[in-house]
Every structure is written in structure tokens, then in C-alpha cells.
Amino acid sequence: MWIVIAFVLAILWRRWGILALTAAAVVVADLAAAGLKDVFGVERPSSRYAAPKPLVAAPHDGSFPSGHAATSFAAATILSAAAPRLMPAGILLAVAIAFSRVYVGVHYPLDVIAGAVLGTLIALLMLAAVRRRSRGATQSG
């Protein structure tokens, strides 16, 4: 969903860098969350408790941190930096996606909080790297 949003915005704004940066943030956040799931090995709620049953099929990997929350907050942070007026909608969508993971029974609240923090930090680091690179290019040019 986030890549599609970034694609549409890139077309409208004719700024393809925003698509590339959003896609990169989503990939890095997803990989980081997957790696941390392997490190922490927290069972999903549906694996630990017999009831209630999850509303969707529970993935078979670890629960902590939420990859959906990480990727959503990474993308929302990148897109919010590109268009601050879109920040409320982007953050609201990221929060809704993160909340949905708890609601459907495949994550604990701490999973989505950790995923949100992870995704936001990754996006902020990527934005800082891009800004530093841009400053270096303008100073040397």
C-alpha cells in the first residue's frame, strides 16, 4: 500500500526520489524487523494462548517487533518529511495498520509499539543520510 501511495505521489510531484526512498525505507524496516524477530523469538499470541482465536491466519514467524508497524511507520515518516501537510493522514494510516495487527490477534501491543519505533528510527536515519549527502553535493559543486 505504501509503495503505491509513494508511486502516485512521485507521479503527481515528478519527484521519483520519494518513491525510491520510501521503497528503501520499507525494505530496510522489513529486514530489520525480520532479523529482530529471529533474535527475540517471541511467540505470537495465537501460539501462546488457545483463546481467542486470531481473526486472520497468523504468520509462523516471531511476534516481536511487528513488521507491518515497522514498514508503515517507516513509509509514513518518509512521506511526511516530503509533504508535511500529509503527515496527519500518513500517521493515522500507520497507526490504524499497527492497531489492526493487535485487533486481529497476531501481535501484542508492545510488538506494534516496537515496530513503530523501529520504522520511525530507520526512516529518520535514512532522511538524515540523504540530507547529509545533499549538503555534501551542494558544498562540493
Protein backbone atom coordinates (compact mmCIF):
# COMPACT_ATOMS: atom_id res chain seq x y z
CA MET A 1 0.00 0.00 0.00
CA TRP A 2 2.77 2.43 0.95
CA ILE A 3 4.70 1.86 -2.27
CA VAL A 4 1.54 2.56 -4.28
CA ILE A 5 0.97 5.79 -2.33
CA ALA A 6 4.59 6.82 -2.92
CA PHE A 7 4.28 5.92 -6.61
CA VAL A 8 1.19 8.09 -7.05
CA LEU A 9 2.84 11.00 -5.22
CA ALA A 10 6.01 10.60 -7.29
CA ILE A 11 3.95 10.84 -10.47
CA LEU A 12 2.00 13.86 -9.23
CA TRP A 13 5.07 15.69 -7.94
CA ARG A 14 7.51 14.39 -10.59
CA ARG A 15 9.89 13.51 -7.75
CA TRP A 16 11.00 9.93 -8.26
CA GLY A 17 13.42 10.11 -5.35
CA ILE A 18 10.50 9.97 -2.93
CA LEU A 19 9.43 6.64 -4.40
CA ALA A 20 12.96 5.25 -4.17
CA LEU A 21 13.45 6.47 -0.60
CA THR A 22 10.06 5.16 0.53
CA ALA A 23 10.70 1.76 -1.05
CA ALA A 24 14.17 1.60 0.51
CA ALA A 25 12.78 2.51 3.95
CA VAL A 26 10.09 -0.17 3.67
CA VAL A 27 12.64 -2.82 2.66
CA VAL A 28 15.13 -1.88 5.39
CA ALA A 29 12.39 -1.76 8.04
CA ASP A 30 11.06 -5.15 6.94
CA LEU A 31 14.51 -6.73 7.00
CA ALA A 32 15.32 -5.19 10.40
CA ALA A 33 12.03 -6.40 11.89
CA ALA A 34 12.57 -9.90 10.48
CA GLY A 35 16.07 -10.00 11.92
CA LEU A 36 14.90 -8.86 15.32
CA LYS A 37 12.10 -11.43 15.29
CA ASP A 38 14.76 -14.12 14.91
CA VAL A 39 16.79 -12.62 17.77
CA PHE A 40 13.90 -12.26 20.23
CA GLY A 41 11.84 -15.29 19.21
CA VAL A 42 8.63 -14.11 20.91
CA GLU A 43 5.68 -16.41 20.21
CA ARG A 44 2.59 -14.88 18.68
CA PRO A 45 -0.49 -14.56 20.89
CA SER A 46 -2.28 -17.31 18.96
CA SER A 47 0.62 -19.71 19.57
CA ARG A 48 0.76 -18.95 23.27
CA TYR A 49 -2.96 -18.79 24.09
CA ALA A 50 -5.76 -21.09 22.92
CA ALA A 51 -8.35 -18.31 23.02
CA PRO A 52 -9.29 -16.01 21.50
CA LYS A 53 -8.58 -17.30 18.02
CA PRO A 54 -6.98 -14.77 15.65
CA LEU A 55 -9.28 -13.19 13.09
CA VAL A 56 -6.74 -13.84 10.31
CA ALA A 57 -4.23 -16.58 9.67
CA ALA A 58 -1.30 -15.97 11.98
CA PRO A 59 2.13 -15.92 10.37
CA HIS A 60 4.58 -18.55 11.56
CA ASP A 61 7.46 -16.23 12.38
CA GLY A 62 8.05 -14.39 15.65
CA SER A 63 5.87 -11.68 17.03
CA PHE A 64 8.32 -9.02 18.24
CA PRO A 65 8.59 -6.47 16.62
CA SER A 66 5.70 -6.06 14.21
CA GLY A 67 6.91 -5.87 10.62
CA HIS A 68 3.67 -4.23 9.49
CA ALA A 69 4.11 -1.47 12.07
CA ALA A 70 7.79 -1.03 11.19
CA THR A 71 7.19 -0.71 7.46
CA SER A 72 4.13 1.50 7.92
CA PHE A 73 5.86 3.96 10.23
CA ALA A 74 9.00 3.98 8.06
CA ALA A 75 6.96 4.87 4.98
CA ALA A 76 4.74 7.36 6.83
CA THR A 77 7.81 9.14 8.21
CA ILE A 78 9.45 9.41 4.77
CA LEU A 79 6.26 10.63 3.12
CA SER A 80 5.57 13.07 5.96
CA ALA A 81 9.03 14.57 5.52
CA ALA A 82 8.37 15.01 1.80
CA ALA A 83 4.92 16.53 2.36
CA PRO A 84 4.38 17.73 5.93
CA ARG A 85 0.75 18.59 5.25
CA LEU A 86 0.12 14.88 4.62
CA MET A 87 1.60 13.92 8.00
CA PRO A 88 -1.70 13.55 9.91
CA ALA A 89 -3.16 11.22 7.27
CA GLY A 90 0.05 9.21 6.97
CA ILE A 91 0.49 8.78 10.70
CA LEU A 92 -3.20 7.93 11.12
CA LEU A 93 -2.92 5.23 8.46
CA ALA A 94 0.24 3.83 10.08
CA VAL A 95 -1.45 3.78 13.50
CA ALA A 96 -4.51 2.06 12.03
CA ILE A 97 -2.36 -0.62 10.39
CA ALA A 98 -0.41 -1.17 13.61
CA PHE A 99 -3.58 -1.32 15.71
CA SER A 100 -5.15 -3.77 13.29
CA ARG A 101 -2.36 -6.26 14.00
CA VAL A 102 -3.32 -6.31 17.68
CA TYR A 103 -7.03 -6.26 16.92
CA VAL A 104 -6.89 -9.32 14.67
CA GLY A 105 -4.87 -11.18 17.32
CA VAL A 106 -1.49 -11.69 15.68
CA HIS A 107 0.55 -9.22 17.77
CA TYR A 108 0.85 -7.91 21.29
CA PRO A 109 0.63 -4.13 21.85
CA LEU A 110 4.36 -3.96 22.65
CA ASP A 111 5.11 -5.62 19.28
CA VAL A 112 3.48 -2.81 17.34
CA ILE A 113 4.97 -0.09 19.57
CA ALA A 114 8.44 -1.54 18.98
CA GLY A 115 7.74 -1.83 15.26
CA ALA A 116 6.59 1.78 15.12
CA VAL A 117 9.73 2.98 16.91
CA LEU A 118 11.95 0.81 14.70
CA GLY A 119 10.36 2.03 11.47
CA THR A 120 10.46 5.67 12.54
CA LEU A 121 14.13 5.44 13.55
CA ILE A 122 15.09 3.78 10.28
CA ALA A 123 13.29 6.46 8.27
CA LEU A 124 14.85 9.29 10.29
CA LEU A 125 18.33 7.81 9.81
CA MET A 126 17.72 7.46 6.08
CA LEU A 127 16.43 11.04 5.83
CA ALA A 128 19.48 12.29 7.74
CA ALA A 129 21.79 10.38 5.39
CA VAL A 130 20.05 11.84 2.32
CA ARG A 131 20.25 15.36 3.74
CA ARG A 132 23.92 14.93 4.62
CA ARG A 133 24.64 13.61 1.13
CA SER A 134 22.71 16.51 -0.45
CA ARG A 135 24.63 19.04 1.64
CA GLY A 136 27.91 17.45 0.64
CA ALA A 137 26.96 17.55 -3.04
CA THR A 138 26.00 21.25 -2.92
CA GLN A 139 29.13 22.22 -0.99
CA SER A 140 31.46 20.42 -3.40
CA GLY A 141 29.60 21.59 -6.50
